[in-house]
Amino acid sequence: MNENQLALKNTFLNIEEENNNENYTLIEIANKKYAIKTENVLEIVKIIELEFPDKLPDCILGMINYEDKPVGVIDLREIFKNERIVYDLNTKIIVIKLKSQVTAIVCDNVIDITKLNKNKIYPLPYQKDTDFYQGIYTKSDKTNIYVLDMENIVKYIENNRESFNNDGSGRNYLVGDEESIEILKERRSFLIKVTQELQNNTPLYDMGVSFIINDVKYYITMASVKEFHKVNNSKFIKVPNTPAYIKGLINIKGDYTTVLDIRKFFNTSATKIKEKSTIIILNSNEFKIGILADEICENMNIDFEEILQNRLQKDDNKMLEFVKDGEIYQVLDVEKLFQDERLTIA
């Protein structure tokens, strides 16, 4: 095999690898690492005050109100027969979208957002617990990541409700000192207030990623991101008679996606293609849109309170800006972007 053939083979292998990669949110429970497909994650927030209705099974830590509907927060430690612990103020709640409902889980920590090759997620070698997992992924450092099957976990709870104590004992595993209880109440009130005040429906996530366009730093929530796609793997198809902020179309896994030059969209200088240029494919059922970024910087695990408390400006014509570690970030509100009438041609 000559050098050109080898290069072509490697190119095809890289494209195949990219097509098989999917974004997963990595979490930690009882010193084990678990993964949930990021496109199913609706919210990641620090734990707030929970509700405890009568006859709540002990595998449910408590209830939260999500979009005016009660959602149970599943304590997977009880499902997996781990030792139960008292959750502190740093505990995270992840709201997850299933096929027919919305559920939530509590976890010790949210570790990262990363790509996993779906063809390297293998069935567990034993049968007993496989219903709880889609499979296991082993990283290069031999770390095992268990990919959760939330559909089956919820079915298991529904079908085995009589096996759980229905005494609402989940409240015993939530920090209970007066100061912490007050903080949990304040968080709940704050989130309700923020939801009411922010008319642009800015999501209340604390896991996101920063990126750069023309030396300007942006922040986007990970739940707004479907995947990342390197520009050097893409061929742009120019579309006649479209605005200058439409970079063109690209073919990703057989789907044509419109690439938006976000800087040009906001009436500033056009974005130039660079070596590290990346297309951020936005998560939407209605639109197939990606935005062009010079470089993806880092995952950012921040509180939404931190964004609001450190914001610089907010009005109808400008994006929300905030300061973190001396850097200014502009928050890209994907929901508001999708509502812009200029995207009707995309």
Protein backbone atom coordinates (compact mmCIF):
# COMPACT_ATOMS: atom_id res chain seq x y z
CA MET A 1 0.00 0.00 0.00
CA ASN A 2 1.54 3.28 -1.10
CA GLU A 3 1.55 6.54 0.87
CA ASN A 4 -1.50 8.02 -0.90
CA GLN A 5 -3.54 4.84 -0.39
CA LEU A 6 -2.57 4.77 3.29
CA ALA A 7 -3.59 8.42 3.72
CA LEU A 8 -6.93 7.73 1.99
CA LYS A 9 -7.54 4.69 4.21
CA ASN A 10 -6.80 6.72 7.34
CA THR A 11 -9.17 9.44 6.16
CA PHE A 12 -12.00 6.93 5.74
CA LEU A 13 -11.22 5.40 9.15
CA ASN A 14 -11.33 8.85 10.77
CA ILE A 15 -14.67 9.64 9.10
CA GLU A 16 -16.09 6.27 10.17
CA GLU A 17 -14.87 6.85 13.74
CA GLU A 18 -16.46 10.32 13.79
CA ASN A 19 -19.78 8.97 12.50
CA ASN A 20 -19.86 6.36 15.26
CA ASN A 21 -19.14 8.85 18.05
CA GLU A 22 -21.98 10.22 20.19
CA ASN A 23 -21.95 12.74 23.03
CA TYR A 24 -22.43 11.33 26.52
CA THR A 25 -22.70 13.01 29.90
CA LEU A 26 -20.44 11.25 32.39
CA ILE A 27 -21.52 11.10 36.03
CA GLU A 28 -20.25 9.48 39.20
CA ILE A 29 -22.26 7.41 41.70
CA ALA A 30 -20.61 5.46 44.54
CA ASN A 31 -17.16 5.81 42.90
CA LYS A 32 -18.40 4.29 39.63
CA LYS A 33 -18.65 6.15 36.35
CA TYR A 34 -21.89 6.10 34.37
CA ALA A 35 -22.95 7.65 31.06
CA ILE A 36 -26.19 9.09 29.71
CA LYS A 37 -26.63 10.18 26.11
CA THR A 38 -26.32 13.98 26.25
CA GLU A 39 -29.17 14.58 23.82
CA ASN A 40 -31.53 13.10 26.46
CA VAL A 41 -30.33 15.43 29.22
CA LEU A 42 -32.72 18.34 29.77
CA GLU A 43 -31.30 19.92 32.92
CA ILE A 44 -28.28 19.61 35.20
CA VAL A 45 -28.70 21.59 38.42
CA LYS A 46 -27.46 21.54 41.97
CA ILE A 47 -29.91 19.88 44.31
CA ILE A 48 -32.82 22.03 45.46
CA GLU A 49 -35.60 21.63 48.01
CA LEU A 50 -37.58 18.48 47.20
CA GLU A 51 -41.18 17.48 47.84
CA PHE A 52 -42.15 14.24 49.61
CA PRO A 53 -45.72 13.13 48.85
CA ASP A 54 -47.30 10.20 50.67
CA LYS A 55 -46.38 6.62 49.67
CA LEU A 56 -43.22 7.65 47.86
CA PRO A 57 -41.04 4.55 47.23
CA ASP A 58 -37.66 4.68 48.91
CA CYS A 59 -35.86 4.47 45.55
CA ILE A 60 -37.18 8.01 44.87
CA LEU A 61 -35.20 10.61 46.78
CA GLY A 62 -38.02 13.14 46.34
CA MET A 63 -40.01 15.07 43.75
CA ILE A 64 -39.25 18.19 41.77
CA ASN A 65 -41.52 20.34 39.64
CA TYR A 66 -40.38 20.43 36.02
CA GLU A 67 -42.41 22.49 33.54
CA ASP A 68 -45.39 22.36 35.94
CA LYS A 69 -45.26 18.55 36.18
CA PRO A 70 -44.09 16.43 39.14
CA VAL A 71 -40.95 14.44 38.38
CA GLY A 72 -39.45 11.81 40.67
CA VAL A 73 -35.73 11.99 41.42
CA ILE A 74 -34.45 8.39 41.28
CA ASP A 75 -31.73 7.40 43.74
CA LEU A 76 -29.74 4.83 41.75
CA ARG A 77 -27.85 3.82 44.88
CA GLU A 78 -31.03 2.07 46.04
CA ILE A 79 -31.61 0.48 42.61
CA PHE A 80 -28.00 -0.77 42.42
CA LYS A 81 -28.01 -1.86 46.10
CA ASN A 82 -25.18 0.52 46.99
CA GLU A 83 -24.85 1.97 50.45
CA ARG A 84 -27.13 5.00 50.76
CA ILE A 85 -25.57 8.32 51.73
CA VAL A 86 -26.78 11.73 52.83
CA TYR A 87 -26.56 14.06 49.84
CA ASP A 88 -24.97 17.46 50.44
CA LEU A 89 -25.32 20.83 48.73
CA ASN A 90 -22.94 19.87 45.91
CA THR A 91 -25.12 16.96 44.78
CA LYS A 92 -26.43 17.19 41.22
CA ILE A 93 -29.88 16.41 39.81
CA ILE A 94 -30.09 15.45 36.14
CA VAL A 95 -33.45 15.74 34.38
CA ILE A 96 -33.70 13.20 31.57
CA LYS A 97 -36.03 12.97 28.58
CA LEU A 98 -37.37 9.47 27.89
CA LYS A 99 -39.63 8.30 25.06
CA SER A 100 -42.88 8.77 26.96
CA GLN A 101 -42.00 10.79 30.03
CA VAL A 102 -39.45 12.88 31.89
CA THR A 103 -37.54 11.50 34.86
CA ALA A 104 -34.58 12.58 36.97
CA ILE A 105 -31.69 11.02 38.85
CA VAL A 106 -29.43 12.17 41.66
CA CYS A 107 -25.67 11.75 41.30
CA ASP A 108 -22.58 12.52 43.34
CA ASN A 109 -20.92 14.50 40.55
CA VAL A 110 -21.09 15.39 36.87
CA ILE A 111 -17.65 14.62 35.48
CA ASP A 112 -17.56 15.55 31.83
CA ILE A 113 -19.21 15.65 28.43
CA THR A 114 -17.35 13.36 26.05
CA LYS A 115 -17.69 11.32 22.89
CA LEU A 116 -18.03 7.54 23.06
CA ASN A 117 -17.88 5.23 20.07
CA LYS A 118 -21.24 3.43 20.05
CA ASN A 119 -19.64 0.37 18.42
CA LYS A 120 -17.33 0.01 21.44
CA ILE A 121 -20.16 -0.13 23.99
CA TYR A 122 -20.33 -3.84 24.72
CA PRO A 123 -22.96 -5.88 26.62
CA LEU A 124 -22.05 -6.68 30.20
CA PRO A 125 -20.60 -10.16 30.67
CA TYR A 126 -23.15 -11.08 33.33
CA GLN A 127 -26.91 -11.16 33.01
CA LYS A 128 -28.33 -10.05 36.37
CA ASP A 129 -27.96 -6.27 35.98
CA THR A 130 -27.80 -5.92 32.21
CA ASP A 131 -31.37 -4.62 32.12
CA PHE A 132 -30.10 -1.47 33.83
CA TYR A 133 -27.35 -0.86 31.27
CA GLN A 134 -27.06 -0.46 27.53
CA GLY A 135 -23.52 -1.74 27.91
CA ILE A 136 -20.05 -0.96 29.16
CA TYR A 137 -17.35 1.22 27.58
CA THR A 138 -13.71 0.75 28.56
CA LYS A 139 -11.43 3.74 28.12
CA SER A 140 -7.77 3.50 27.10
CA ASP A 141 -6.75 3.82 30.78
CA LYS A 142 -8.91 0.74 31.58
CA THR A 143 -11.59 2.85 33.30
CA ASN A 144 -15.03 1.29 32.89
CA ILE A 145 -18.02 3.48 32.05
CA TYR A 146 -21.48 1.96 32.47
CA VAL A 147 -23.97 3.30 29.91
CA LEU A 148 -27.34 3.59 31.66
CA ASP A 149 -30.60 2.37 30.16
CA MET A 150 -32.99 4.79 31.85
CA GLU A 151 -36.03 3.38 30.02
CA ASN A 152 -35.51 -0.01 31.65
CA ILE A 153 -34.67 1.47 35.03
CA VAL A 154 -37.98 3.36 35.09
CA LYS A 155 -39.85 0.22 33.94
CA TYR A 156 -38.16 -1.77 36.70
CA ILE A 157 -39.35 0.71 39.33
CA GLU A 158 -42.89 0.72 37.93
CA ASN A 159 -43.07 -3.10 37.75
CA ASN A 160 -41.52 -3.74 41.15
CA ARG A 161 -43.06 -0.99 43.22
CA GLU A 162 -44.20 -3.49 45.87
CA SER A 163 -40.57 -4.48 46.53
CA PHE A 164 -39.74 -0.97 47.74
CA ASN A 165 -40.70 0.60 51.03
CA ASN A 166 -43.35 3.20 50.21
CA ASP A 167 -42.64 5.37 53.21
CA GLY A 168 -41.01 8.37 51.58
CA SER A 169 -37.75 7.59 53.38
CA GLY A 170 -35.80 9.47 50.73
CA ARG A 171 -35.99 12.57 52.92
CA ASN A 172 -33.62 10.81 55.34
CA TYR A 173 -30.86 10.98 52.73
CA LEU A 174 -31.01 14.71 52.15
CA VAL A 175 -28.86 17.09 54.19
CA GLY A 176 -31.01 18.28 57.09
CA ASP A 177 -29.27 21.00 59.09
CA GLU A 178 -31.08 24.33 59.28
CA GLU A 179 -28.53 26.27 57.21
CA SER A 180 -28.53 23.72 54.37
CA ILE A 181 -32.33 23.48 54.35
CA GLU A 182 -32.51 27.24 53.98
CA ILE A 183 -30.06 27.14 51.06
CA LEU A 184 -32.11 24.41 49.34
CA LYS A 185 -35.24 26.53 49.74
CA GLU A 186 -33.44 29.60 48.40
CA ARG A 187 -32.23 27.65 45.36
CA ARG A 188 -35.74 26.47 44.59
CA SER A 189 -37.16 29.99 44.95
CA PHE A 190 -34.31 31.41 42.89
CA LEU A 191 -34.89 28.99 40.01
CA ILE A 192 -38.61 29.76 40.03
CA LYS A 193 -37.83 33.50 40.01
CA VAL A 194 -35.30 33.17 37.21
CA THR A 195 -37.74 31.15 35.12
CA GLN A 196 -40.35 33.87 35.51
CA GLU A 197 -37.94 36.77 34.87
CA LEU A 198 -36.10 35.45 31.82
CA GLN A 199 -38.48 35.77 28.93
CA ASN A 200 -36.00 34.26 26.48
CA ASN A 201 -36.14 30.88 28.26
CA THR A 202 -32.40 30.74 28.89
CA PRO A 203 -31.81 27.19 30.17
CA LEU A 204 -30.81 26.64 33.80
CA TYR A 205 -27.90 24.32 33.18
CA ASP A 206 -24.55 24.42 34.93
CA MET A 207 -22.68 22.24 32.42
CA GLY A 208 -21.63 23.90 29.19
CA VAL A 209 -18.75 24.47 26.83
CA SER A 210 -16.90 27.61 25.77
CA PHE A 211 -15.73 28.37 22.25
CA ILE A 212 -14.07 31.20 20.36
CA ILE A 213 -15.19 33.07 17.26
CA ASN A 214 -12.98 35.94 16.04
CA ASP A 215 -11.36 36.35 19.49
CA VAL A 216 -14.79 36.57 21.19
CA LYS A 217 -15.54 33.89 23.80
CA TYR A 218 -18.98 32.29 23.84
CA TYR A 219 -20.73 29.89 26.19
CA ILE A 220 -23.35 27.33 25.21
CA THR A 221 -25.13 24.73 27.35
CA MET A 222 -24.23 21.14 26.51
CA ALA A 223 -27.89 20.19 26.26
CA SER A 224 -28.09 22.60 23.31
CA VAL A 225 -25.33 20.67 21.51
CA LYS A 226 -26.01 17.56 19.47
CA GLU A 227 -22.43 16.96 18.37
CA PHE A 228 -19.17 18.56 17.24
CA HIS A 229 -17.89 18.20 13.69
CA LYS A 230 -14.40 19.18 12.51
CA VAL A 231 -14.43 21.54 9.52
CA ASN A 232 -11.48 19.77 7.87
CA ASN A 233 -13.77 16.75 7.42
CA SER A 234 -16.45 18.83 5.74
CA LYS A 235 -17.18 20.01 2.24
CA PHE A 236 -19.42 23.07 2.11
CA ILE A 237 -22.15 23.14 -0.52
CA LYS A 238 -22.95 26.71 -1.47
CA VAL A 239 -26.64 27.59 -1.65
CA PRO A 240 -27.55 30.28 -4.24
CA ASN A 241 -29.41 33.40 -3.15
CA THR A 242 -28.92 32.89 0.58
CA PRO A 243 -27.76 35.55 3.05
CA ALA A 244 -24.06 36.02 3.78
CA TYR A 245 -24.44 34.47 7.24
CA ILE A 246 -25.28 31.09 5.66
CA LYS A 247 -21.91 29.43 5.13
CA GLY A 248 -23.44 26.55 3.20
CA LEU A 249 -24.64 22.97 3.66
CA ILE A 250 -22.64 19.98 4.88
CA ASN A 251 -23.50 16.30 4.76
CA ILE A 252 -23.29 14.62 8.18
CA LYS A 253 -24.29 10.97 8.38
CA GLY A 254 -26.56 11.41 5.37
CA ASP A 255 -28.29 14.53 6.73
CA TYR A 256 -27.73 17.96 5.22
CA THR A 257 -27.08 20.57 7.90
CA THR A 258 -27.09 24.33 7.39
CA VAL A 259 -23.94 25.98 8.75
CA LEU A 260 -24.49 29.41 10.27
CA ASP A 261 -21.75 32.01 10.57
CA ILE A 262 -22.91 33.34 13.92
CA ARG A 263 -20.66 36.43 13.81
CA LYS A 264 -22.06 37.46 10.43
CA PHE A 265 -25.56 36.64 11.71
CA PHE A 266 -25.10 39.27 14.42
CA ASN A 267 -23.88 41.83 11.86
CA THR A 268 -20.15 41.72 12.64
CA SER A 269 -17.14 40.44 10.69
CA ALA A 270 -17.30 37.07 8.99
CA THR A 271 -15.69 34.00 10.58
CA LYS A 272 -12.60 32.68 8.81
CA ILE A 273 -11.89 28.96 8.51
CA LYS A 274 -8.88 27.97 10.64
CA GLU A 275 -7.05 24.75 11.48
CA LYS A 276 -9.09 24.13 14.65
CA SER A 277 -12.40 25.34 13.19
CA THR A 278 -15.31 23.22 14.39
CA ILE A 279 -19.01 23.08 13.54
CA ILE A 280 -21.23 22.87 16.62
CA ILE A 281 -24.37 20.97 15.57
CA LEU A 282 -27.28 22.34 17.58
CA ASN A 283 -29.78 20.05 19.26
CA SER A 284 -33.18 20.60 17.66
CA ASN A 285 -36.02 18.50 16.25
CA GLU A 286 -37.15 21.35 14.02
CA PHE A 287 -33.90 22.74 12.63
CA LYS A 288 -30.77 21.10 11.26
CA ILE A 289 -28.31 23.87 11.99
CA GLY A 290 -24.65 24.10 12.97
CA ILE A 291 -22.65 27.14 13.97
CA LEU A 292 -19.08 27.75 12.91
CA ALA A 293 -16.52 28.22 15.69
CA ASP A 294 -12.78 28.92 15.49
CA GLU A 295 -12.00 26.60 18.37
CA ILE A 296 -13.71 24.63 21.15
CA CYS A 297 -12.07 25.69 24.42
CA GLU A 298 -13.21 23.78 27.50
CA ASN A 299 -16.09 22.30 29.41
CA MET A 300 -17.42 24.73 32.00
CA ASN A 301 -19.17 23.49 35.11
CA ILE A 302 -20.78 26.64 36.50
CA ASP A 303 -23.90 27.63 38.37
CA PHE A 304 -26.51 29.55 36.44
CA GLU A 305 -26.68 31.84 39.49
CA GLU A 306 -23.04 32.68 38.75
CA ILE A 307 -23.93 33.78 35.23
CA LEU A 308 -26.72 36.05 36.45
CA GLN A 309 -24.74 37.48 39.34
CA ASN A 310 -21.80 38.33 37.08
CA ARG A 311 -23.71 39.44 33.99
CA LEU A 312 -22.68 42.66 32.29
CA GLN A 313 -25.69 43.52 30.20
CA LYS A 314 -29.01 42.14 29.09
CA ASP A 315 -31.50 43.72 26.72
CA ASP A 316 -33.47 42.79 23.64
CA ASN A 317 -30.64 43.54 21.21
CA LYS A 318 -27.61 41.97 22.89
CA MET A 319 -26.71 38.57 24.19
CA LEU A 320 -26.33 38.05 27.91
CA GLU A 321 -22.69 38.53 28.92
CA PHE A 322 -20.94 37.42 32.09
CA VAL A 323 -17.46 37.45 33.58
CA LYS A 324 -15.65 34.34 34.84
CA ASP A 325 -12.00 34.25 35.91
CA GLY A 326 -11.45 37.65 34.31
CA GLU A 327 -12.79 36.55 30.91
CA ILE A 328 -15.96 37.87 29.26
CA TYR A 329 -18.31 35.26 27.80
CA GLN A 330 -21.39 35.78 25.66
CA VAL A 331 -24.17 33.26 26.28
CA LEU A 332 -25.53 31.82 23.06
CA ASP A 333 -29.23 31.29 23.74
CA VAL A 334 -30.19 28.58 21.24
CA GLU A 335 -33.93 28.81 21.95
CA LYS A 336 -33.90 32.52 21.15
CA LEU A 337 -31.76 31.87 18.07
CA PHE A 338 -34.28 29.36 16.73
CA GLN A 339 -37.07 31.91 17.20
CA ASP A 340 -35.31 34.44 14.94
CA GLU A 341 -37.35 34.90 11.75
CA ARG A 342 -34.15 35.02 9.71
CA LEU A 343 -33.75 31.27 10.19
CA THR A 344 -36.93 30.47 8.29
CA ILE A 345 -34.80 30.16 5.18
CA ALA A 346 -32.37 27.72 6.85
